[in-house]
Amino acid sequence: MICKYCKEVKAAADFFSNNKSRCKACCNIFQLEWKRKNPEKHRVLTARTREGRKDKQNEYYKAWYLKNGRNRDKKKQLAHSMVMLAVRSGELIRPEICTDCKNPNKIEGHHNDYNKPLEVIWLCNRCHRKLHTGY
């Protein structure tokens, strides 16, 4: 496909599905130029978009919370709070590295059982996500 603006021949993957006349690079340049020329319009449009998303997000999270119950969340919140307090008081020590991969990135606590709030496995974000999702 040929971009009408930069006149280069590019693969179909280099074009957005809703705009086949302008490649992605040219679209990005055009969008940045428009934002610079119309800062007030951009501010208004961005604010309007955010407001619309807030309502949808609030509805989604409210429905999720009602569906998944409140009791589980209370146990989770209590366990999280107890770990934070134990770390602050020195009762628990957060290690510098992940217990799984030995990576020194941001370390998070993982509870296998919220009924045992101070039994925590210390994992980096990647290993923690992998544990929950299986990836």
Protein backbone atom coordinates (compact mmCIF):
# COMPACT_ATOMS: atom_id res chain seq x y z
CA MET A 1 0.00 0.00 0.00
CA ILE A 2 1.15 3.55 -0.65
CA CYS A 3 0.82 6.31 1.94
CA LYS A 4 -0.67 9.46 0.35
CA TYR A 5 1.39 11.72 2.62
CA CYS A 6 4.92 10.29 2.72
CA LYS A 7 4.49 8.53 -0.69
CA GLU A 8 6.23 5.39 0.61
CA VAL A 9 5.20 1.83 -0.16
CA LYS A 10 4.43 0.06 3.14
CA ALA A 11 2.91 -3.19 4.35
CA ALA A 12 -0.77 -3.33 5.28
CA ALA A 13 0.23 -3.74 8.94
CA ASP A 14 1.72 -0.21 8.83
CA PHE A 15 -1.79 1.26 8.32
CA PHE A 16 -4.62 1.61 10.82
CA SER A 17 -7.70 -0.41 9.90
CA ASN A 18 -9.91 2.71 9.75
CA ASN A 19 -7.45 4.86 7.74
CA LYS A 20 -5.88 3.24 4.68
CA SER A 21 -4.72 6.50 3.06
CA ARG A 22 -2.19 7.47 5.74
CA CYS A 23 0.39 5.17 7.39
CA LYS A 24 0.66 4.95 11.19
CA ALA A 25 3.80 7.10 11.28
CA CYS A 26 2.11 9.88 9.28
CA CYS A 27 -1.03 9.61 11.43
CA ASN A 28 1.07 10.08 14.56
CA ILE A 29 2.84 13.12 13.09
CA PHE A 30 -0.49 14.60 11.96
CA GLN A 31 -2.01 14.03 15.41
CA LEU A 32 0.94 15.67 17.23
CA GLU A 33 0.79 18.69 14.92
CA TRP A 34 -2.97 19.03 15.48
CA LYS A 35 -2.48 18.89 19.27
CA ARG A 36 0.17 21.64 19.09
CA LYS A 37 -2.03 23.87 16.90
CA ASN A 38 -5.23 23.25 18.91
CA PRO A 39 -4.26 22.88 22.58
CA GLU A 40 -7.59 24.13 23.93
CA LYS A 41 -9.67 21.80 21.72
CA HIS A 42 -7.39 18.91 22.69
CA ARG A 43 -7.85 19.71 26.40
CA VAL A 44 -11.65 19.80 26.04
CA LEU A 45 -11.80 16.55 24.03
CA THR A 46 -9.50 14.76 26.46
CA ALA A 47 -11.55 15.88 29.47
CA ARG A 48 -14.80 14.80 27.76
CA THR A 49 -13.34 11.38 26.95
CA ARG A 50 -12.13 10.89 30.52
CA GLU A 51 -15.54 11.75 31.95
CA GLY A 52 -17.21 9.21 29.68
CA ARG A 53 -14.73 6.52 30.71
CA LYS A 54 -15.13 7.26 34.42
CA ASP A 55 -18.83 6.42 34.31
CA LYS A 56 -18.20 3.16 32.46
CA GLN A 57 -15.33 2.21 34.78
CA ASN A 58 -17.40 2.97 37.88
CA GLU A 59 -20.26 0.81 36.58
CA TYR A 60 -17.86 -2.02 35.76
CA TYR A 61 -16.12 -2.00 39.14
CA LYS A 62 -19.38 -1.68 41.06
CA ALA A 63 -20.84 -4.67 39.18
CA TRP A 64 -17.65 -6.67 39.75
CA TYR A 65 -17.63 -5.88 43.46
CA LEU A 66 -21.29 -6.84 43.89
CA LYS A 67 -20.80 -10.04 41.88
CA ASN A 68 -17.63 -11.22 43.62
CA GLY A 69 -18.80 -10.49 47.14
CA ARG A 70 -17.51 -8.30 49.90
CA ASN A 71 -16.26 -10.86 52.43
CA ARG A 72 -13.37 -12.07 50.31
CA ASP A 73 -12.24 -8.50 49.76
CA LYS A 74 -12.36 -7.80 53.51
CA LYS A 75 -10.07 -10.75 54.25
CA LYS A 76 -7.73 -9.66 51.49
CA GLN A 77 -7.64 -6.07 52.74
CA LEU A 78 -7.05 -7.21 56.31
CA ALA A 79 -4.19 -9.50 55.26
CA HIS A 80 -2.63 -6.72 53.19
CA SER A 81 -2.87 -4.26 56.10
CA MET A 82 -1.41 -6.74 58.56
CA VAL A 83 1.59 -7.39 56.30
CA MET A 84 2.19 -3.65 55.85
CA LEU A 85 2.09 -3.09 59.62
CA ALA A 86 4.35 -6.10 60.26
CA VAL A 87 6.90 -4.82 57.74
CA ARG A 88 6.84 -1.34 59.30
CA SER A 89 7.26 -2.69 62.82
CA GLY A 90 10.04 -5.06 61.79
CA GLU A 91 8.07 -8.23 62.57
CA LEU A 92 8.30 -9.18 58.87
CA ILE A 93 11.27 -8.32 56.68
CA ARG A 94 10.71 -7.71 52.99
CA PRO A 95 13.65 -9.26 51.11
CA GLU A 96 15.59 -7.36 48.47
CA ILE A 97 15.17 -10.11 45.84
CA CYS A 98 12.36 -12.32 44.53
CA THR A 99 12.22 -15.74 46.21
CA ASP A 100 11.38 -17.36 42.88
CA CYS A 101 13.70 -15.83 40.24
CA LYS A 102 16.15 -13.89 42.46
CA ASN A 103 15.34 -10.68 40.54
CA PRO A 104 15.90 -7.45 42.56
CA ASN A 105 12.88 -5.63 41.08
CA LYS A 106 9.92 -4.34 43.11
CA ILE A 107 9.05 -7.10 45.57
CA GLU A 108 5.41 -7.87 46.43
CA GLY A 109 3.87 -10.13 49.02
CA HIS A 110 1.66 -13.02 47.94
CA HIS A 111 -0.81 -14.79 50.22
CA ASN A 112 -1.69 -18.41 49.49
CA ASP A 113 -4.28 -18.25 52.28
CA TYR A 114 -5.81 -15.01 53.56
CA ASN A 115 -6.67 -16.76 56.84
CA LYS A 116 -2.91 -16.82 57.52
CA PRO A 117 -2.13 -13.17 56.83
CA LEU A 118 1.51 -13.18 57.94
CA GLU A 119 2.47 -16.20 55.82
CA VAL A 120 3.70 -14.37 52.75
CA ILE A 121 5.72 -15.38 49.70
CA TRP A 122 7.87 -12.50 48.45
CA LEU A 123 7.80 -12.25 44.64
CA CYS A 124 8.72 -9.70 41.98
CA ASN A 125 5.85 -8.29 39.94
CA ARG A 126 6.53 -10.63 36.99
CA CYS A 127 6.57 -13.81 39.12
CA HIS A 128 3.51 -12.63 41.09
CA ARG A 129 1.57 -12.05 37.88
CA LYS A 130 2.77 -15.40 36.52
CA LEU A 131 1.56 -17.14 39.68
CA HIS A 132 -1.95 -15.65 39.36
CA THR A 133 -2.40 -15.95 35.59
CA GLY A 134 -0.31 -19.01 34.81
CA TYR A 135 1.76 -17.19 32.16
